[in-house]
PDB file of N, CA and C in Angstrom:
ATOM      1  N   MET A   1     -78.866-133.722  59.633  1.00  0.00           N
ATOM      2  CA  MET A   1     -79.375-132.359  59.658  1.00  0.00           C
ATOM      3  C   MET A   1     -80.815-132.355  59.185  1.00  0.00           C
ATOM      4  N   SER A   2     -81.649-131.571  59.841  1.00  0.00           N
ATOM      5  CA  SER A   2     -83.068-131.515  59.514  1.00  0.00           C
ATOM      6  C   SER A   2     -83.324-130.604  58.323  1.00  0.00           C
ATOM      7  N   SER A   3     -84.264-130.999  57.513  1.00  0.00           N
ATOM      8  CA  SER A   3     -84.739-130.154  56.427  1.00  0.00           C
ATOM      9  C   SER A   3     -85.713-129.142  56.997  1.00  0.00           C
ATOM     10  N   SER A   4     -85.875-128.008  56.310  1.00  0.00           N
ATOM     11  CA  SER A   4     -86.787-126.974  56.800  1.00  0.00           C
ATOM     12  C   SER A   4     -88.235-127.444  56.795  1.00  0.00           C
ATOM     13  N   THR A   5     -88.533-128.542  56.074  1.00  0.00           N
ATOM     14  CA  THR A   5     -89.904-129.043  56.067  1.00  0.00           C
ATOM     15  C   THR A   5     -90.083-130.238  56.998  1.00  0.00           C
ATOM     16  N   ASP A   6     -89.074-130.534  57.826  1.00  0.00           N
ATOM     17  CA  ASP A   6     -89.211-131.599  58.815  1.00  0.00           C
ATOM     18  C   ASP A   6     -90.071-131.151  59.988  1.00  0.00           C
ATOM     19  N   PHE A   7     -90.113-129.845  60.230  1.00  0.00           N
ATOM     20  CA  PHE A   7     -90.941-129.315  61.313  1.00  0.00           C
ATOM     21  C   PHE A   7     -91.409-127.910  60.960  1.00  0.00           C
ATOM     22  N   PHE A   8     -92.519-127.531  61.553  1.00  0.00           N
ATOM     23  CA  PHE A   8     -93.065-126.177  61.434  1.00  0.00           C
ATOM     24  C   PHE A   8     -93.570-125.753  62.800  1.00  0.00           C
ATOM     25  N   ARG A   9     -93.610-124.456  63.043  1.00  0.00           N
ATOM     26  CA  ARG A   9     -94.288-123.925  64.221  1.00  0.00           C
ATOM     27  C   ARG A   9     -95.617-123.367  63.718  1.00  0.00           C
ATOM     28  N   ILE A  10     -96.708-123.927  64.242  1.00  0.00           N
ATOM     29  CA  ILE A  10     -98.056-123.479  63.887  1.00  0.00           C
ATOM     30  C   ILE A  10     -98.526-122.482  64.931  1.00  0.00           C
ATOM     31  N   LEU A  11     -99.114-121.399  64.464  1.00  0.00           N
ATOM     32  CA  LEU A  11     -99.691-120.374  65.334  1.00  0.00           C
ATOM     33  C   LEU A  11    -101.200-120.404  65.188  1.00  0.00           C
ATOM     34  N   ILE A  12    -101.918-120.406  66.318  1.00  0.00           N
ATOM     35  CA  ILE A  12    -103.384-120.462  66.316  1.00  0.00           C
ATOM     36  C   ILE A  12    -103.917-119.091  66.750  1.00  0.00           C
ATOM     37  N   PHE A  13    -104.800-118.536  65.932  1.00  0.00           N
ATOM     38  CA  PHE A  13    -105.393-117.227  66.193  1.00  0.00           C
ATOM     39  C   PHE A  13    -106.906-117.375  66.373  1.00  0.00           C
ATOM     40  N   PRO A  14    -107.513-116.600  67.290  1.00  0.00           N
ATOM     41  CA  PRO A  14    -108.945-116.764  67.576  1.00  0.00           C
ATOM     42  C   PRO A  14    -109.888-116.027  66.651  1.00  0.00           C
ATOM     43  N   PHE A  15    -109.404-115.469  65.577  1.00  0.00           N
ATOM     44  CA  PHE A  15    -110.304-114.827  64.629  1.00  0.00           C
ATOM     45  C   PHE A  15    -109.709-114.922  63.247  1.00  0.00           C
ATOM     46  N   ASN A  16    -110.530-114.694  62.265  1.00  0.00           N
ATOM     47  CA  ASN A  16    -110.158-114.886  60.883  1.00  0.00           C
ATOM     48  C   ASN A  16    -109.290-113.731  60.392  1.00  0.00           C
ATOM     49  N   ALA A  17    -108.129-114.045  59.859  1.00  0.00           N
ATOM     50  CA  ALA A  17    -107.209-113.032  59.356  1.00  0.00           C
ATOM     51  C   ALA A  17    -107.832-112.207  58.233  1.00  0.00           C
ATOM     52  N   GLN A  18    -108.784-112.775  57.501  1.00  0.00           N
ATOM     53  CA  GLN A  18    -109.438-112.035  56.421  1.00  0.00           C
ATOM     54  C   GLN A  18    -110.323-110.920  56.966  1.00  0.00           C
ATOM     55  N   ASP A  19    -110.784-111.066  58.223  1.00  0.00           N
ATOM     56  CA  ASP A  19    -111.671-110.076  58.808  1.00  0.00           C
ATOM     57  C   ASP A  19    -110.927-108.971  59.541  1.00  0.00           C
ATOM     58  N   MET A  20    -109.622-109.129  59.715  1.00  0.00           N
ATOM     59  CA  MET A  20    -108.863-108.161  60.485  1.00  0.00           C
ATOM     60  C   MET A  20    -107.467-108.050  59.894  1.00  0.00           C
ATOM     61  N   PRO A  21    -106.959-106.830  59.744  1.00  0.00           N
ATOM     62  CA  PRO A  21    -105.602-106.688  59.219  1.00  0.00           C
ATOM     63  C   PRO A  21    -104.585-107.360  60.142  1.00  0.00           C
ATOM     64  N   GLU A  22    -103.533-107.910  59.560  1.00  0.00           N
ATOM     65  CA  GLU A  22    -102.542-108.656  60.333  1.00  0.00           C
ATOM     66  C   GLU A  22    -101.951-107.841  61.470  1.00  0.00           C
ATOM     67  N   GLU A  23    -101.665-106.568  61.230  1.00  0.00           N
ATOM     68  CA  GLU A  23    -101.059-105.743  62.270  1.00  0.00           C
ATOM     69  C   GLU A  23    -101.998-105.508  63.453  1.00  0.00           C
ATOM     70  N   ALA A  24    -103.301-105.703  63.281  1.00  0.00           N
ATOM     71  CA  ALA A  24    -104.264-105.508  64.372  1.00  0.00           C
ATOM     72  C   ALA A  24    -104.682-106.825  65.013  1.00  0.00           C
ATOM     73  N   ARG A  25    -104.211-107.936  64.466  1.00  0.00           N
ATOM     74  CA  ARG A  25    -104.681-109.248  64.902  1.00  0.00           C
ATOM     75  C   ARG A  25    -104.207-109.608  66.301  1.00  0.00           C
ATOM     76  N   GLY A  26    -103.032-109.169  66.689  1.00  0.00           N
ATOM     77  CA  GLY A  26    -102.509-109.524  67.996  1.00  0.00           C
ATOM     78  C   GLY A  26    -101.786-110.851  67.964  1.00  0.00           C
ATOM     79  N   PRO A  27    -101.288-111.268  69.115  1.00  0.00           N
ATOM     80  CA  PRO A  27    -100.483-112.488  69.167  1.00  0.00           C
ATOM     81  C   PRO A  27    -101.332-113.750  69.062  1.00  0.00           C
ATOM     82  N   ALA A  28    -100.668-114.817  68.679  1.00  0.00           N
ATOM     83  CA  ALA A  28    -101.317-116.123  68.659  1.00  0.00           C
ATOM     84  C   ALA A  28    -101.655-116.525  70.088  1.00  0.00           C
ATOM     85  N   VAL A  29    -102.764-117.248  70.254  1.00  0.00           N
ATOM     86  CA  VAL A  29    -103.144-117.713  71.587  1.00  0.00           C
ATOM     87  C   VAL A  29    -102.558-119.084  71.897  1.00  0.00           C
ATOM     88  N   ARG A  30    -102.035-119.739  70.878  1.00  0.00           N
ATOM     89  CA  ARG A  30    -101.381-121.036  71.082  1.00  0.00           C
ATOM     90  C   ARG A  30    -100.417-121.261  69.936  1.00  0.00           C
ATOM     91  N   SER A  31     -99.345-121.942  70.236  1.00  0.00           N
ATOM     92  CA  SER A  31     -98.429-122.360  69.185  1.00  0.00           C
ATOM     93  C   SER A  31     -97.993-123.782  69.477  1.00  0.00           C
ATOM     94  N   ALA A  32     -97.546-124.446  68.440  1.00  0.00           N
ATOM     95  CA  ALA A  32     -97.079-125.824  68.595  1.00  0.00           C
ATOM     96  C   ALA A  32     -96.056-126.119  67.514  1.00  0.00           C
ATOM     97  N   VAL A  33     -95.011-126.823  67.883  1.00  0.00           N
ATOM     98  CA  VAL A  33     -94.056-127.318  66.905  1.00  0.00           C
ATOM     99  C   VAL A  33     -94.542-128.687  66.478  1.00  0.00           C
ATOM    100  N   VAL A  34     -94.730-128.842  65.167  1.00  0.00           N
ATOM    101  CA  VAL A  34     -95.176-130.116  64.617  1.00  0.00           C
ATOM    102  C   VAL A  34     -94.076-130.667  63.715  1.00  0.00           C
ATOM    103  N   GLU A  35     -93.908-131.981  63.777  1.00  0.00           N
ATOM    104  CA  GLU A  35     -92.882-132.646  62.982  1.00  0.00           C
ATOM    105  C   GLU A  35     -93.528-133.571  61.970  1.00  0.00           C
ATOM    106  N   ALA A  36     -92.854-133.763  60.863  1.00  0.00           N
ATOM    107  CA  ALA A  36     -93.350-134.650  59.809  1.00  0.00           C
ATOM    108  C   ALA A  36     -93.507-136.065  60.350  1.00  0.00           C
ATOM    109  N   THR A  37     -94.653-136.676  60.036  1.00  0.00           N
ATOM    110  CA  THR A  37     -94.906-138.052  60.489  1.00  0.00           C
ATOM    111  C   THR A  37     -94.501-139.073  59.432  1.00  0.00           C
ATOM    112  N   GLY A  38     -94.287-138.616  58.198  1.00  0.00           N
ATOM    113  CA  GLY A  38     -93.987-139.535  57.105  1.00  0.00           C
ATOM    114  C   GLY A  38     -95.235-140.059  56.423  1.00  0.00           C
ATOM    115  N   GLU A  39     -96.399-139.656  56.936  1.00  0.00           N
ATOM    116  CA  GLU A  39     -97.671-140.090  56.357  1.00  0.00           C
ATOM    117  C   GLU A  39     -98.288-138.957  55.544  1.00  0.00           C
ATOM    118  N   THR A  40     -99.269-139.304  54.739  1.00  0.00           N
ATOM    119  CA  THR A  40    -100.043-138.321  53.995  1.00  0.00           C
ATOM    120  C   THR A  40    -101.387-138.188  54.676  1.00  0.00           C
ATOM    121  N   GLY A  41    -101.819-136.948  54.904  1.00  0.00           N
ATOM    122  CA  GLY A  41    -103.094-136.717  55.567  1.00  0.00           C
ATOM    123  C   GLY A  41    -104.267-136.890  54.622  1.00  0.00           C
ATOM    124  N   ALA A  42    -105.477-136.773  55.163  1.00  0.00           N
ATOM    125  CA  ALA A  42    -106.706-136.923  54.378  1.00  0.00           C
ATOM    126  C   ALA A  42    -106.787-135.892  53.256  1.00  0.00           C
ATOM    127  N   SER A  43    -106.146-134.737  53.432  1.00  0.00           N
ATOM    128  CA  SER A  43    -106.183-133.689  52.415  1.00  0.00           C
ATOM    129  C   SER A  43    -105.257-133.994  51.241  1.00  0.00           C
ATOM    130  N   GLY A  44    -104.382-134.985  51.407  1.00  0.00           N
ATOM    131  CA  GLY A  44    -103.419-135.317  50.365  1.00  0.00           C
ATOM    132  C   GLY A  44    -102.059-134.679  50.580  1.00  0.00           C
ATOM    133  N   TYR A  45    -101.918-133.865  51.615  1.00  0.00           N
ATOM    134  CA  TYR A  45    -100.651-133.215  51.937  1.00  0.00           C
ATOM    135  C   TYR A  45     -99.961-133.954  53.079  1.00  0.00           C
ATOM    136  N   PRO A  46     -98.646-133.739  53.242  1.00  0.00           N
ATOM    137  CA  PRO A  46     -97.929-134.405  54.328  1.00  0.00           C
ATOM    138  C   PRO A  46     -98.523-134.072  55.693  1.00  0.00           C
ATOM    139  N   CYS A  47     -98.511-135.065  56.570  1.00  0.00           N
ATOM    140  CA  CYS A  47     -99.054-134.917  57.913  1.00  0.00           C
ATOM    141  C   CYS A  47     -97.925-134.566  58.886  1.00  0.00           C
ATOM    142  N   TYR A  48     -98.213-133.643  59.784  1.00  0.00           N
ATOM    143  CA  TYR A  48     -97.285-133.197  60.820  1.00  0.00           C
ATOM    144  C   TYR A  48     -98.010-133.302  62.152  1.00  0.00           C
ATOM    145  N   SER A  49     -97.266-133.628  63.211  1.00  0.00           N
ATOM    146  CA  SER A  49     -97.903-133.820  64.504  1.00  0.00           C
ATOM    147  C   SER A  49     -96.968-133.399  65.627  1.00  0.00           C
ATOM    148  N   GLY A  50     -97.570-132.872  66.709  1.00  0.00           N
ATOM    149  CA  GLY A  50     -96.806-132.541  67.901  1.00  0.00           C
ATOM    150  C   GLY A  50     -97.570-131.617  68.817  1.00  0.00           C
ATOM    151  N   GLU A  51     -97.328-131.734  70.110  1.00  0.00           N
ATOM    152  CA  GLU A  51     -97.895-130.845  71.123  1.00  0.00           C
ATOM    153  C   GLU A  51     -99.423-130.755  71.057  1.00  0.00           C
ATOM    154  N   GLY A  52    -100.081-131.874  70.749  1.00  0.00           N
ATOM    155  CA  GLY A  52    -101.538-131.903  70.700  1.00  0.00           C
ATOM    156  C   GLY A  52    -102.138-131.432  69.390  1.00  0.00           C
ATOM    157  N   VAL A  53    -101.294-131.125  68.416  1.00  0.00           N
ATOM    158  CA  VAL A  53    -101.762-130.612  67.125  1.00  0.00           C
ATOM    159  C   VAL A  53    -101.387-131.610  66.033  1.00  0.00           C
ATOM    160  N   GLN A  54    -102.336-131.879  65.159  1.00  0.00           N
ATOM    161  CA  GLN A  54    -102.077-132.673  63.961  1.00  0.00           C
ATOM    162  C   GLN A  54    -102.529-131.840  62.779  1.00  0.00           C
ATOM    163  N   ALA A  55    -101.659-131.694  61.788  1.00  0.00           N
ATOM    164  CA  ALA A  55    -101.977-130.825  60.656  1.00  0.00           C
ATOM    165  C   ALA A  55    -101.454-131.411  59.362  1.00  0.00           C
ATOM    166  N   ASP A  56    -102.207-131.188  58.296  1.00  0.00           N
ATOM    167  CA  ASP A  56    -101.749-131.465  56.941  1.00  0.00           C
ATOM    168  C   ASP A  56    -101.254-130.131  56.411  1.00  0.00           C
ATOM    169  N   ILE A  57     -99.987-130.100  55.987  1.00  0.00           N
ATOM    170  CA  ILE A  57     -99.372-128.843  55.563  1.00  0.00           C
ATOM    171  C   ILE A  57     -98.776-129.017  54.180  1.00  0.00           C
ATOM    172  N   ASP A  58     -99.022-128.032  53.311  1.00  0.00           N
ATOM    173  CA  ASP A  58     -98.369-127.995  52.010  1.00  0.00           C
ATOM    174  C   ASP A  58     -96.999-127.349  52.236  1.00  0.00           C
ATOM    175  N   PRO A  59     -95.912-128.116  52.214  1.00  0.00           N
ATOM    176  CA  PRO A  59     -94.607-127.546  52.528  1.00  0.00           C
ATOM    177  C   PRO A  59     -94.119-126.519  51.514  1.00  0.00           C
ATOM    178  N   LYS A  60     -94.633-126.550  50.297  1.00  0.00           N
ATOM    179  CA  LYS A  60     -94.205-125.571  49.290  1.00  0.00           C
ATOM    180  C   LYS A  60     -94.819-124.203  49.544  1.00  0.00           C
ATOM    181  N   THR A  61     -96.107-124.163  49.856  1.00  0.00           N
ATOM    182  CA  THR A  61     -96.778-122.879  50.072  1.00  0.00           C
ATOM    183  C   THR A  61     -96.859-122.514  51.547  1.00  0.00           C
ATOM    184  N   ARG A  62     -96.537-123.468  52.442  1.00  0.00           N
ATOM    185  CA  ARG A  62     -96.613-123.299  53.885  1.00  0.00           C
ATOM    186  C   ARG A  62     -98.053-123.047  54.346  1.00  0.00           C
ATOM    187  N   ALA A  63     -99.009-123.594  53.608  1.00  0.00           N
ATOM    188  CA  ALA A  63    -100.426-123.449  53.961  1.00  0.00           C
ATOM    189  C   ALA A  63    -100.870-124.636  54.815  1.00  0.00           C
ATOM    190  N   VAL A  64    -101.624-124.329  55.872  1.00  0.00           N
ATOM    191  CA  VAL A  64    -102.217-125.373  56.708  1.00  0.00           C
ATOM    192  C   VAL A  64    -103.503-125.797  56.003  1.00  0.00           C
ATOM    193  N   GLU A  65    -103.524-127.022  55.499  1.00  0.00           N
ATOM    194  CA  GLU A  65    -104.657-127.505  54.716  1.00  0.00           C
ATOM    195  C   GLU A  65    -105.720-128.184  55.570  1.00  0.00           C
ATOM    196  N   ALA A  66    -105.338-128.749  56.703  1.00  0.00           N
ATOM    197  CA  ALA A  66    -106.268-129.384  57.642  1.00  0.00           C
ATOM    198  C   ALA A  66    -105.588-129.381  59.004  1.00  0.00           C
ATOM    199  N   ILE A  67    -106.396-129.266  60.081  1.00  0.00           N
ATOM    200  CA  ILE A  67    -105.799-129.223  61.415  1.00  0.00           C
ATOM    201  C   ILE A  67    -106.791-129.687  62.468  1.00  0.00           C
ATOM    202  N   THR A  68    -106.270-130.386  63.472  1.00  0.00           N
ATOM    203  CA  THR A  68    -107.021-130.639  64.693  1.00  0.00           C
ATOM    204  C   THR A  68    -106.123-130.234  65.857  1.00  0.00           C
ATOM    205  N   VAL A  69    -106.748-129.715  66.902  1.00  0.00           N
ATOM    206  CA  VAL A  69    -106.043-129.291  68.112  1.00  0.00           C
ATOM    207  C   VAL A  69    -106.663-130.061  69.268  1.00  0.00           C
ATOM    208  N   ASP A  70    -105.859-130.807  69.958  1.00  0.00           N
ATOM    209  CA  ASP A  70    -106.335-131.663  71.048  1.00  0.00           C
ATOM    210  C   ASP A  70    -107.501-132.541  70.595  1.00  0.00           C
ATOM    211  N   GLY A  71    -107.403-133.036  69.346  1.00  0.00           N
ATOM    212  CA  GLY A  71    -108.390-133.966  68.804  1.00  0.00           C
ATOM    213  C   GLY A  71    -109.636-133.345  68.212  1.00  0.00           C
ATOM    214  N   ALA A  72    -109.742-132.010  68.242  1.00  0.00           N
ATOM    215  CA  ALA A  72    -110.942-131.343  67.727  1.00  0.00           C
ATOM    216  C   ALA A  72    -110.574-130.365  66.612  1.00  0.00           C
ATOM    217  N   GLU A  73    -111.507-130.187  65.674  1.00  0.00           N
ATOM    218  CA  GLU A  73    -111.310-129.181  64.634  1.00  0.00           C
ATOM    219  C   GLU A  73    -111.420-127.797  65.255  1.00  0.00           C
ATOM    220  N   LEU A  74    -110.809-126.814  64.599  1.00  0.00           N
ATOM    221  CA  LEU A  74    -110.917-125.441  65.079  1.00  0.00           C
ATOM    222  C   LEU A  74    -112.338-124.928  64.866  1.00  0.00           C
ATOM    223  N   ASP A  75    -112.840-124.134  65.807  1.00  0.00           N
ATOM    224  CA  ASP A  75    -114.151-123.509  65.656  1.00  0.00           C
ATOM    225  C   ASP A  75    -114.115-122.493  64.524  1.00  0.00           C
ATOM    226  N   ASP A  76    -115.293-122.170  63.973  1.00  0.00           N
ATOM    227  CA  ASP A  76    -115.381-121.157  62.927  1.00  0.00           C
ATOM    228  C   ASP A  76    -114.737-119.869  63.411  1.00  0.00           C
ATOM    229  N   GLY A  77    -114.010-119.218  62.525  1.00  0.00           N
ATOM    230  CA  GLY A  77    -113.357-117.960  62.845  1.00  0.00           C
ATOM    231  C   GLY A  77    -111.924-118.119  63.324  1.00  0.00           C
ATOM    232  N   TRP A  78    -111.566-119.296  63.837  1.00  0.00           N
ATOM    233  CA  TRP A  78    -110.195-119.530  64.287  1.00  0.00           C
ATOM    234  C   TRP A  78    -109.334-119.855  63.071  1.00  0.00           C
ATOM    235  N   THR A  79    -108.088-119.442  63.090  1.00  0.00           N
ATOM    236  CA  THR A  79    -107.190-119.722  61.977  1.00  0.00           C
ATOM    237  C   THR A  79    -105.867-120.283  62.491  1.00  0.00           C
ATOM    238  N   ALA A  80    -105.225-121.043  61.627  1.00  0.00           N
ATOM    239  CA  ALA A  80    -103.904-121.583  61.915  1.00  0.00           C
ATOM    240  C   ALA A  80    -102.977-121.136  60.797  1.00  0.00           C
ATOM    241  N   ARG A  81    -101.822-120.632  61.202  1.00  0.00           N
ATOM    242  CA  ARG A  81    -100.830-120.173  60.226  1.00  0.00           C
ATOM    243  C   ARG A  81     -99.472-120.719  60.616  1.00  0.00           C
ATOM    244  N   ILE A  82     -98.601-120.821  59.646  1.00  0.00           N
ATOM    245  CA  ILE A  82     -97.232-121.250  59.895  1.00  0.00           C
ATOM    246  C   ILE A  82     -96.426-120.006  60.267  1.00  0.00           C
ATOM    247  N   ALA A  83     -95.640-120.113  61.348  1.00  0.00           N
ATOM    248  CA  ALA A  83     -94.777-119.007  61.757  1.00  0.00           C
ATOM    249  C   ALA A  83     -93.749-118.740  60.664  1.00  0.00           C
ATOM    250  N   PRO A  84     -93.313-117.506  60.563  1.00  0.00           N
ATOM    251  CA  PRO A  84     -92.281-117.187  59.566  1.00  0.00           C
ATOM    252  C   PRO A  84     -91.041-118.046  59.782  1.00  0.00           C
ATOM    253  N   PRO A  85     -90.301-118.311  58.703  1.00  0.00           N
ATOM    254  CA  PRO A  85     -89.071-119.098  58.843  1.00  0.00           C
ATOM    255  C   PRO A  85     -88.110-118.421  59.820  1.00  0.00           C
ATOM    256  N   THR A  86     -87.334-119.227  60.496  1.00  0.00           N
ATOM    257  CA  THR A  86     -86.371-118.711  61.460  1.00  0.00           C
ATOM    258  C   THR A  86     -84.976-118.711  60.853  1.00  0.00           C
ATOM    259  N   ARG A  87     -84.043-118.193  61.600  1.00  0.00           N
ATOM    260  CA  ARG A  87     -82.653-118.151  61.138  1.00  0.00           C
ATOM    261  C   ARG A  87     -82.118-119.564  60.929  1.00  0.00           C
ATOM    262  N   PRO A  88     -81.160-119.735  60.017  1.00  0.00           N
ATOM    263  CA  PRO A  88     -80.534-121.050  59.828  1.00  0.00           C
ATOM    264  C   PRO A  88     -79.951-121.550  61.144  1.00  0.00           C
ATOM    265  N   GLY A  89     -80.064-122.852  61.364  1.00  0.00           N
ATOM    266  CA  GLY A  89     -79.511-123.456  62.570  1.00  0.00           C
ATOM    267  C   GLY A  89     -80.516-123.579  63.691  1.00  0.00           C
ATOM    268  N   ASN A  90     -81.688-122.930  63.555  1.00  0.00           N
ATOM    269  CA  ASN A  90     -82.706-123.076  64.594  1.00  0.00           C
ATOM    270  C   ASN A  90     -83.324-124.458  64.508  1.00  0.00           C
ATOM    271  N   THR A  91     -83.633-125.002  65.649  1.00  0.00           N
ATOM    272  CA  THR A  91     -84.295-126.295  65.754  1.00  0.00           C
ATOM    273  C   THR A  91     -85.588-126.071  66.508  1.00  0.00           C
ATOM    274  N   PRO A  92     -86.475-127.071  66.601  1.00  0.00           N
ATOM    275  CA  PRO A  92     -87.718-126.858  67.346  1.00  0.00           C
ATOM    276  C   PRO A  92     -87.458-126.408  68.777  1.00  0.00           C
ATOM    277  N   GLU A  93     -86.340-126.840  69.368  1.00  0.00           N
ATOM    278  CA  GLU A  93     -86.067-126.491  70.750  1.00  0.00           C
ATOM    279  C   GLU A  93     -85.673-125.042  70.944  1.00  0.00           C
ATOM    280  N   ASN A  94     -85.061-124.410  69.917  1.00  0.00           N
ATOM    281  CA  ASN A  94     -84.640-123.023  70.112  1.00  0.00           C
ATOM    282  C   ASN A  94     -85.312-122.057  69.156  1.00  0.00           C
ATOM    283  N   THR A  95     -86.375-122.504  68.482  1.00  0.00           N
ATOM    284  CA  THR A  95     -87.137-121.623  67.627  1.00  0.00           C
ATOM    285  C   THR A  95     -88.025-120.750  68.492  1.00  0.00           C
ATOM    286  N   PRO A  96     -87.980-119.433  68.328  1.00  0.00           N
ATOM    287  CA  PRO A  96     -88.807-118.568  69.173  1.00  0.00           C
ATOM    288  C   PRO A  96     -90.285-118.872  69.018  1.00  0.00           C
ATOM    289  N   SER A  97     -91.023-118.865  70.131  1.00  0.00           N
ATOM    290  CA  SER A  97     -92.463-119.085  70.063  1.00  0.00           C
ATOM    291  C   SER A  97     -93.169-117.827  69.613  1.00  0.00           C
ATOM    292  N   ASP A  98     -92.550-116.691  69.800  1.00  0.00           N
ATOM    293  CA  ASP A  98     -93.110-115.408  69.362  1.00  0.00           C
ATOM    294  C   ASP A  98     -92.589-115.152  67.947  1.00  0.00           C
ATOM    295  N   PRO A  99     -93.504-115.074  66.945  1.00  0.00           N
ATOM    296  CA  PRO A  99     -93.035-114.924  65.568  1.00  0.00           C
ATOM    297  C   PRO A  99     -92.265-113.644  65.350  1.00  0.00           C
ATOM    298  N   GLY A 100     -92.380-112.660  66.230  1.00  0.00           N
ATOM    299  CA  GLY A 100     -91.624-111.424  66.093  1.00  0.00           C
ATOM    300  C   GLY A 100     -90.294-111.483  66.785  1.00  0.00           C
ATOM    301  N   ALA A 101     -90.029-112.546  67.540  1.00  0.00           N
ATOM    302  CA  ALA A 101     -88.772-112.664  68.274  1.00  0.00           C
ATOM    303  C   ALA A 101     -87.669-113.157  67.363  1.00  0.00           C
ATOM    304  N   GLY A 102     -86.457-112.937  67.787  1.00  0.00           N
ATOM    305  CA  GLY A 102     -85.323-113.517  67.073  1.00  0.00           C
ATOM    306  C   GLY A 102     -84.792-112.615  66.082  1.00  0.00           C
TER     307      GLY A 102
END
């Protein structure tokens, strides 16, 4: 059985959440399920990878500490967030891509 920190769904937004209230931000323009690689990233946090995304994530706070998308860093203003936890029993294959779904 997978632990809740074995994978995360990362949501990529094209503007900074600090500059716009969450309810006005709109949907993510990309999402990716990333799985633990067993390695530690340059930031010192566990590394997760999948679907063209590599991220260092603090599993306790669910903060994305470092990220590359298709091998490149995000441009200024873009943000990456972890999707809210899903119902028990969800796996990467049946986890909704829409954070409001389910």
